[in-house]
Amino acid sequence: MLSVFFSMIVFTLVGAVSPGPVNIIAASTGAQSGYRKALSHVLGATIAYALIVFLCGLSLELVSTRLPEIMDILRLLGGSFLLYMSFKIATATGFGKQDQIHYTPPTFTEGALSQALNPKAWLVAMSGISLFVLNHSPAVLYLFSFTAISFIACFAGVSVWAAAGNYISRYLSTTRRQNVFNITMGALLGGSVISMLLGH
């Protein structure tokens, strides 16, 4: 059992820390507004992911048979929402002094939506459920354990990106550097979304 739990921790941490739309938004928010104001996004994304894991575990058979349709819907809805977020990031003005009022950090709801509409989150959750919950008994114990570990790992992983953004902000001492950073982060997010949409 301990080896399974250790594997869960490694799996969830790698998935949580790897680059993706949710983490790019977290880094941008951390740089724009600091770690504390990024917490709403971090918590929204974390709670949404834990719910995705739990729902996948409860309805694995239904989700797996309907996965192609679910992924198609998520790609369209998620792609549109994440492209909106990339535009919002890229067009944000410098975040120092008076310019800071023009940037509104992502809300808890936006953080939750960025995760819930992210096809990668569903695919990783499904993979984790099939690896660590199925074929283990009692399944309920493993599902709750995997959900709890996923919550902690997601919070830690997204927080790392928000904290990294906050650290980077000290090097963004001019409005020009800040705007270049915003455009770069927006382009990275937009690029990852376009790659997701064109990949299938």
Foldseek 3Di string as FASTA:
>chain_A
DVVLLVVLLVLLLVLQQDDALLLLLLLLLCLQPNLVLSVLLLLLQLVLLLVLLLVCLVPVVVCVVCVVVLLVVLLVVLLVLLLVVLVLLLPQFFRDDPSVVSHDRDGNNSSNSNNNSDSSSNVSSSVSCVRFQPPDPPSVVRSVSSSVSNSVSNSVNSSVSSNNSNVCNVVCPDRVSSSVSSNVSSVVSNVNSVCSNVVD
